[in-house]
């Protein structure tokens, strides 16, 4: 990664275990896709209605050549489930991006006006 990993934790009890889990998840993404240029992870409890309980939000911004992948995930009551879901979504988006740059995604030719449907 060209830019060091940035981790921001807001309104959540900061723990070494949480940061270690984030670092581990980012390392796995880097093993999967070597061309990550930057990664920012924000974990927070947005200020919402108190009667709904804790709602954790995880936002991951991944810089890749020519693009940025952004994932936002919310989960009630478990920050680690929110992290897991966000990183799984990030991996799926990285897979899609990797297929796109390899040219695996088919590009449809535009239809001509005289072609009939069906």
N, C-alpha and C. Protein backbone atom coordinates (compact mmCIF):
# COMPACT_ATOMS: atom_id res chain seq x y z
N UNK A 1 0.85 -1.17 0.00
CA UNK A 1 0.00 0.00 0.00
C UNK A 1 0.90 1.24 0.00
N UNK A 2 0.57 2.18 -0.86
CA UNK A 2 1.38 3.40 -0.94
C UNK A 2 1.15 4.33 0.23
N UNK A 3 -0.08 4.42 0.69
CA UNK A 3 -0.43 5.26 1.83
C UNK A 3 -0.69 4.36 3.03
N UNK A 4 -0.17 4.71 4.20
CA UNK A 4 -0.40 3.86 5.38
C UNK A 4 -1.89 3.72 5.71
N UNK A 5 -2.25 2.58 6.25
CA UNK A 5 -3.61 2.32 6.68
C UNK A 5 -4.04 3.36 7.71
N UNK A 6 -5.25 3.89 7.54
CA UNK A 6 -5.81 4.86 8.49
C UNK A 6 -7.00 4.21 9.18
N UNK A 7 -6.97 4.15 10.48
CA UNK A 7 -8.08 3.60 11.26
C UNK A 7 -8.61 4.69 12.17
N UNK A 8 -9.91 4.94 12.10
CA UNK A 8 -10.56 5.91 12.97
C UNK A 8 -11.67 5.19 13.71
N UNK A 9 -11.68 5.32 15.04
CA UNK A 9 -12.71 4.71 15.86
C UNK A 9 -13.37 5.81 16.67
N UNK A 10 -14.68 6.00 16.46
CA UNK A 10 -15.42 7.08 17.13
C UNK A 10 -16.55 6.52 17.97
N UNK A 11 -16.65 6.99 19.19
CA UNK A 11 -17.75 6.64 20.09
C UNK A 11 -17.90 5.14 20.30
N UNK A 12 -16.79 4.41 20.15
CA UNK A 12 -16.75 2.98 20.40
C UNK A 12 -15.60 2.76 21.37
N UNK A 13 -15.79 1.87 22.33
CA UNK A 13 -14.69 1.57 23.24
C UNK A 13 -13.51 1.07 22.43
N UNK A 14 -12.44 1.84 22.43
CA UNK A 14 -11.26 1.48 21.64
C UNK A 14 -10.53 0.33 22.32
N UNK A 15 -10.23 -0.67 21.53
CA UNK A 15 -9.51 -1.81 22.08
C UNK A 15 -8.45 -2.24 21.10
N UNK A 16 -7.40 -2.81 21.62
CA UNK A 16 -6.34 -3.33 20.76
C UNK A 16 -6.88 -4.46 19.89
N UNK A 17 -7.82 -5.23 20.44
CA UNK A 17 -8.40 -6.35 19.69
C UNK A 17 -9.13 -5.86 18.45
N UNK A 18 -9.87 -4.76 18.58
CA UNK A 18 -10.61 -4.21 17.45
C UNK A 18 -9.64 -3.72 16.36
N UNK A 19 -8.62 -2.98 16.76
CA UNK A 19 -7.63 -2.50 15.79
C UNK A 19 -6.89 -3.67 15.14
N UNK A 20 -6.56 -4.68 15.93
CA UNK A 20 -5.85 -5.85 15.39
C UNK A 20 -6.72 -6.57 14.37
N UNK A 21 -8.03 -6.67 14.64
CA UNK A 21 -8.95 -7.33 13.70
C UNK A 21 -9.00 -6.55 12.39
N UNK A 22 -9.06 -5.22 12.49
CA UNK A 22 -9.09 -4.39 11.29
C UNK A 22 -7.81 -4.58 10.48
N UNK A 23 -6.67 -4.53 11.15
CA UNK A 23 -5.39 -4.71 10.45
C UNK A 23 -5.31 -6.08 9.77
N UNK A 24 -5.79 -7.09 10.45
CA UNK A 24 -5.79 -8.44 9.89
C UNK A 24 -6.68 -8.52 8.64
N UNK A 25 -7.84 -7.92 8.71
CA UNK A 25 -8.77 -7.93 7.56
C UNK A 25 -8.17 -7.18 6.37
N UNK A 26 -7.50 -6.06 6.64
CA UNK A 26 -6.87 -5.29 5.56
C UNK A 26 -5.73 -6.09 4.94
N UNK A 27 -4.94 -6.77 5.77
CA UNK A 27 -3.85 -7.60 5.24
C UNK A 27 -4.39 -8.68 4.30
N UNK A 28 -5.52 -9.28 4.66
CA UNK A 28 -6.12 -10.30 3.81
C UNK A 28 -6.57 -9.71 2.48
N UNK A 29 -7.11 -8.49 2.51
CA UNK A 29 -7.50 -7.83 1.26
C UNK A 29 -6.27 -7.58 0.39
N UNK A 30 -5.15 -7.17 1.03
CA UNK A 30 -3.92 -6.92 0.28
C UNK A 30 -3.34 -8.20 -0.31
N UNK A 31 -3.49 -9.32 0.41
CA UNK A 31 -3.03 -10.59 -0.14
C UNK A 31 -3.86 -10.97 -1.36
N UNK A 32 -5.15 -10.68 -1.29
CA UNK A 32 -6.05 -10.99 -2.39
C UNK A 32 -5.81 -10.08 -3.60
N UNK A 33 -5.61 -8.78 -3.34
CA UNK A 33 -5.44 -7.79 -4.41
C UNK A 33 -4.25 -6.91 -4.08
N UNK A 34 -3.15 -7.11 -4.77
CA UNK A 34 -1.88 -6.45 -4.45
C UNK A 34 -1.83 -4.97 -4.81
N UNK A 35 -2.78 -4.50 -5.60
CA UNK A 35 -2.70 -3.14 -6.13
C UNK A 35 -3.46 -2.10 -5.30
N UNK A 36 -3.77 -2.40 -4.06
CA UNK A 36 -4.43 -1.42 -3.19
C UNK A 36 -3.44 -0.30 -2.90
N UNK A 37 -3.87 0.94 -3.13
CA UNK A 37 -2.98 2.07 -2.91
C UNK A 37 -3.21 2.75 -1.56
N UNK A 38 -4.43 2.65 -1.05
CA UNK A 38 -4.73 3.26 0.25
C UNK A 38 -5.94 2.56 0.86
N UNK A 39 -6.09 2.71 2.17
CA UNK A 39 -7.25 2.13 2.85
C UNK A 39 -7.53 2.94 4.11
N UNK A 40 -8.78 3.38 4.23
CA UNK A 40 -9.24 4.07 5.43
C UNK A 40 -10.43 3.29 5.99
N UNK A 41 -10.39 3.04 7.28
CA UNK A 41 -11.49 2.33 7.94
C UNK A 41 -12.00 3.21 9.07
N UNK A 42 -13.31 3.46 9.09
CA UNK A 42 -13.93 4.24 10.15
C UNK A 42 -14.97 3.36 10.82
N UNK A 43 -14.85 3.22 12.13
CA UNK A 43 -15.82 2.47 12.93
C UNK A 43 -16.44 3.48 13.90
N UNK A 44 -17.77 3.55 13.91
CA UNK A 44 -18.41 4.52 14.79
C UNK A 44 -19.80 4.07 15.19
N UNK A 45 -20.31 4.73 16.22
CA UNK A 45 -21.69 4.59 16.61
C UNK A 45 -22.34 5.93 16.29
N UNK A 46 -23.10 5.99 15.19
CA UNK A 46 -23.75 7.26 14.85
C UNK A 46 -24.75 7.64 15.95
N UNK A 47 -24.92 8.92 16.15
CA UNK A 47 -25.87 9.38 17.17
C UNK A 47 -27.27 9.27 16.60
N UNK A 48 -27.99 8.26 17.08
CA UNK A 48 -29.37 8.05 16.65
C UNK A 48 -30.25 7.99 17.88
N UNK A 49 -31.45 7.54 17.67
CA UNK A 49 -32.39 7.44 18.79
C UNK A 49 -31.87 6.44 19.82
N UNK A 50 -31.89 6.84 21.06
CA UNK A 50 -31.32 6.00 22.12
C UNK A 50 -32.12 4.73 22.36
N UNK A 51 -33.41 4.73 22.06
CA UNK A 51 -34.22 3.54 22.35
C UNK A 51 -33.96 2.40 21.36
N UNK A 52 -33.21 2.64 20.31
CA UNK A 52 -32.94 1.60 19.32
C UNK A 52 -31.72 0.76 19.68
N UNK A 53 -31.00 1.11 20.71
CA UNK A 53 -29.79 0.37 21.06
C UNK A 53 -28.63 0.83 20.21
N UNK A 54 -27.47 0.18 20.42
CA UNK A 54 -26.27 0.58 19.67
C UNK A 54 -26.35 0.10 18.24
N UNK A 55 -26.00 0.97 17.35
CA UNK A 55 -25.92 0.65 15.93
C UNK A 55 -24.51 1.01 15.50
N UNK A 56 -23.73 0.01 15.09
CA UNK A 56 -22.36 0.26 14.66
C UNK A 56 -22.33 0.49 13.16
N UNK A 57 -21.51 1.44 12.74
CA UNK A 57 -21.32 1.71 11.32
C UNK A 57 -19.85 1.51 11.00
N UNK A 58 -19.59 0.79 9.92
CA UNK A 58 -18.23 0.59 9.44
C UNK A 58 -18.18 1.11 8.01
N UNK A 59 -17.24 2.01 7.76
CA UNK A 59 -17.03 2.55 6.41
C UNK A 59 -15.60 2.21 6.01
N UNK A 60 -15.46 1.64 4.81
CA UNK A 60 -14.14 1.30 4.30
C UNK A 60 -13.97 1.99 2.95
N UNK A 61 -12.91 2.78 2.82
CA UNK A 61 -12.55 3.43 1.56
C UNK A 61 -11.25 2.80 1.10
N UNK A 62 -11.28 2.15 -0.07
CA UNK A 62 -10.10 1.48 -0.60
C UNK A 62 -9.71 2.15 -1.90
N UNK A 63 -8.49 2.69 -1.93
CA UNK A 63 -7.97 3.29 -3.15
C UNK A 63 -7.33 2.21 -4.01
N UNK A 64 -7.74 2.17 -5.28
CA UNK A 64 -7.15 1.25 -6.26
C UNK A 64 -6.81 2.08 -7.49
N UNK A 65 -5.93 1.61 -8.34
CA UNK A 65 -5.55 2.41 -9.51
C UNK A 65 -6.76 2.86 -10.33
N UNK A 66 -6.94 4.16 -10.42
CA UNK A 66 -8.00 4.72 -11.24
C UNK A 66 -9.38 4.71 -10.63
N UNK A 67 -9.52 4.31 -9.39
CA UNK A 67 -10.85 4.22 -8.80
C UNK A 67 -10.77 4.19 -7.28
N UNK A 68 -11.93 4.20 -6.65
CA UNK A 68 -12.02 4.05 -5.20
C UNK A 68 -13.23 3.17 -4.91
N UNK A 69 -13.06 2.25 -4.00
CA UNK A 69 -14.13 1.37 -3.58
C UNK A 69 -14.57 1.82 -2.20
N UNK A 70 -15.88 2.05 -2.04
CA UNK A 70 -16.41 2.53 -0.78
C UNK A 70 -17.50 1.57 -0.31
N UNK A 71 -17.39 1.15 0.93
CA UNK A 71 -18.38 0.24 1.52
C UNK A 71 -18.83 0.82 2.84
N UNK A 72 -20.13 0.80 3.08
CA UNK A 72 -20.72 1.23 4.34
C UNK A 72 -21.59 0.10 4.86
N UNK A 73 -21.40 -0.31 6.09
CA UNK A 73 -22.24 -1.35 6.67
C UNK A 73 -22.63 -0.96 8.10
N UNK A 74 -23.89 -1.23 8.43
CA UNK A 74 -24.41 -1.01 9.78
C UNK A 74 -24.79 -2.34 10.38
N UNK A 75 -24.63 -2.45 11.69
CA UNK A 75 -25.09 -3.64 12.39
C UNK A 75 -25.45 -3.28 13.82
N UNK A 76 -26.57 -3.79 14.25
CA UNK A 76 -27.00 -3.53 15.62
C UNK A 76 -26.23 -4.43 16.59
N UNK A 77 -25.67 -3.82 17.60
CA UNK A 77 -25.13 -4.48 18.78
C UNK A 77 -23.79 -5.19 18.66
N UNK A 78 -23.29 -5.50 17.45
CA UNK A 78 -22.01 -6.21 17.38
C UNK A 78 -21.08 -5.58 16.36
N UNK A 79 -20.06 -4.91 16.85
CA UNK A 79 -19.11 -4.22 15.98
C UNK A 79 -18.34 -5.22 15.11
N UNK A 80 -18.09 -6.42 15.63
CA UNK A 80 -17.32 -7.40 14.87
C UNK A 80 -18.13 -7.97 13.70
N UNK A 81 -19.43 -8.08 13.86
CA UNK A 81 -20.28 -8.51 12.75
C UNK A 81 -20.33 -7.42 11.68
N UNK A 82 -20.40 -6.17 12.11
CA UNK A 82 -20.38 -5.06 11.14
C UNK A 82 -19.06 -5.06 10.38
N UNK A 83 -17.94 -5.30 11.08
CA UNK A 83 -16.63 -5.38 10.43
C UNK A 83 -16.59 -6.51 9.41
N UNK A 84 -17.02 -7.69 9.83
CA UNK A 84 -17.02 -8.86 8.93
C UNK A 84 -17.81 -8.57 7.66
N UNK A 85 -19.04 -8.04 7.85
CA UNK A 85 -19.89 -7.77 6.69
C UNK A 85 -19.27 -6.73 5.75
N UNK A 86 -18.68 -5.70 6.34
CA UNK A 86 -18.07 -4.65 5.52
C UNK A 86 -16.87 -5.18 4.74
N UNK A 87 -16.04 -5.98 5.39
CA UNK A 87 -14.87 -6.51 4.69
C UNK A 87 -15.24 -7.56 3.65
N UNK A 88 -16.30 -8.34 3.90
CA UNK A 88 -16.77 -9.28 2.87
C UNK A 88 -17.28 -8.53 1.65
N UNK A 89 -18.02 -7.44 1.88
CA UNK A 89 -18.50 -6.63 0.77
C UNK A 89 -17.33 -5.99 0.03
N UNK A 90 -16.30 -5.55 0.76
CA UNK A 90 -15.11 -4.96 0.13
C UNK A 90 -14.42 -5.98 -0.76
N UNK A 91 -14.30 -7.21 -0.28
CA UNK A 91 -13.65 -8.24 -1.08
C UNK A 91 -14.42 -8.52 -2.36
N UNK A 92 -15.76 -8.57 -2.25
CA UNK A 92 -16.57 -8.79 -3.46
C UNK A 92 -16.37 -7.66 -4.46
N UNK A 93 -16.32 -6.41 -3.97
CA UNK A 93 -16.12 -5.29 -4.88
C UNK A 93 -14.72 -5.31 -5.49
N UNK A 94 -13.72 -5.72 -4.70
CA UNK A 94 -12.36 -5.86 -5.25
C UNK A 94 -12.32 -6.95 -6.32
N UNK A 95 -13.05 -8.05 -6.10
CA UNK A 95 -13.13 -9.11 -7.10
C UNK A 95 -13.72 -8.57 -8.40
N UNK A 96 -14.80 -7.80 -8.28
CA UNK A 96 -15.43 -7.20 -9.47
C UNK A 96 -14.46 -6.26 -10.18
N UNK A 97 -13.76 -5.45 -9.41
CA UNK A 97 -12.80 -4.51 -9.98
C UNK A 97 -11.67 -5.26 -10.69
N UNK A 98 -11.17 -6.33 -10.06
CA UNK A 98 -10.08 -7.12 -10.66
C UNK A 98 -10.54 -7.74 -11.97
N UNK A 99 -11.77 -8.27 -12.00
CA UNK A 99 -12.30 -8.83 -13.26
C UNK A 99 -12.40 -7.76 -14.33
N UNK A 100 -12.83 -6.58 -13.92
CA UNK A 100 -13.00 -5.48 -14.88
C UNK A 100 -11.66 -5.07 -15.50
N UNK A 101 -10.62 -4.94 -14.67
CA UNK A 101 -9.33 -4.50 -15.23
C UNK A 101 -8.65 -5.60 -16.03
N UNK A 102 -8.99 -6.86 -15.73
CA UNK A 102 -8.45 -7.97 -16.53
C UNK A 102 -9.20 -8.13 -17.84
N UNK A 103 -10.35 -7.48 -17.94
CA UNK A 103 -11.14 -7.59 -19.15
C UNK A 103 -12.07 -8.79 -19.15
N UNK A 104 -12.33 -9.37 -17.98
CA UNK A 104 -13.21 -10.53 -17.90
C UNK A 104 -14.68 -10.17 -18.04
N UNK A 105 -15.01 -8.90 -17.84
CA UNK A 105 -16.41 -8.49 -17.93
C UNK A 105 -16.73 -8.22 -19.39
N UNK A 106 -17.79 -8.85 -19.86
CA UNK A 106 -18.17 -8.69 -21.27
C UNK A 106 -18.72 -7.29 -21.48
N UNK A 107 -18.33 -6.73 -22.58
CA UNK A 107 -18.87 -5.44 -22.98
C UNK A 107 -19.79 -5.69 -24.16
N UNK A 108 -21.04 -5.27 -24.04
CA UNK A 108 -22.01 -5.49 -25.11
C UNK A 108 -21.86 -4.40 -26.16
N UNK A 109 -21.89 -4.84 -27.40
CA UNK A 109 -21.84 -3.89 -28.50
C UNK A 109 -23.16 -3.12 -28.54
N UNK A 110 -23.12 -1.84 -28.87
CA UNK A 110 -24.38 -1.10 -28.97
C UNK A 110 -25.22 -1.65 -30.11
N UNK A 111 -26.52 -1.67 -29.92
CA UNK A 111 -27.42 -2.15 -30.96
C UNK A 111 -27.49 -1.15 -32.10
N UNK A 112 -27.62 -1.70 -33.27
CA UNK A 112 -27.82 -0.83 -34.43
C UNK A 112 -29.31 -0.59 -34.60
N UNK A 113 -29.65 0.51 -35.20
CA UNK A 113 -31.05 0.90 -35.35
C UNK A 113 -31.85 -0.11 -36.17
N UNK A 114 -31.21 -0.80 -37.14
CA UNK A 114 -31.94 -1.69 -38.02
C UNK A 114 -32.05 -3.11 -37.46
N UNK A 115 -31.45 -3.40 -36.30
CA UNK A 115 -31.56 -4.73 -35.72
C UNK A 115 -32.91 -4.88 -35.05
N UNK A 116 -33.54 -6.01 -35.24
CA UNK A 116 -34.84 -6.23 -34.62
C UNK A 116 -34.66 -7.05 -33.34
N UNK A 117 -35.58 -6.87 -32.43
CA UNK A 117 -35.50 -7.62 -31.16
C UNK A 117 -36.19 -8.95 -31.34
N UNK A 118 -35.71 -9.94 -30.57
CA UNK A 118 -36.42 -11.17 -30.43
C UNK A 118 -36.04 -12.22 -31.31
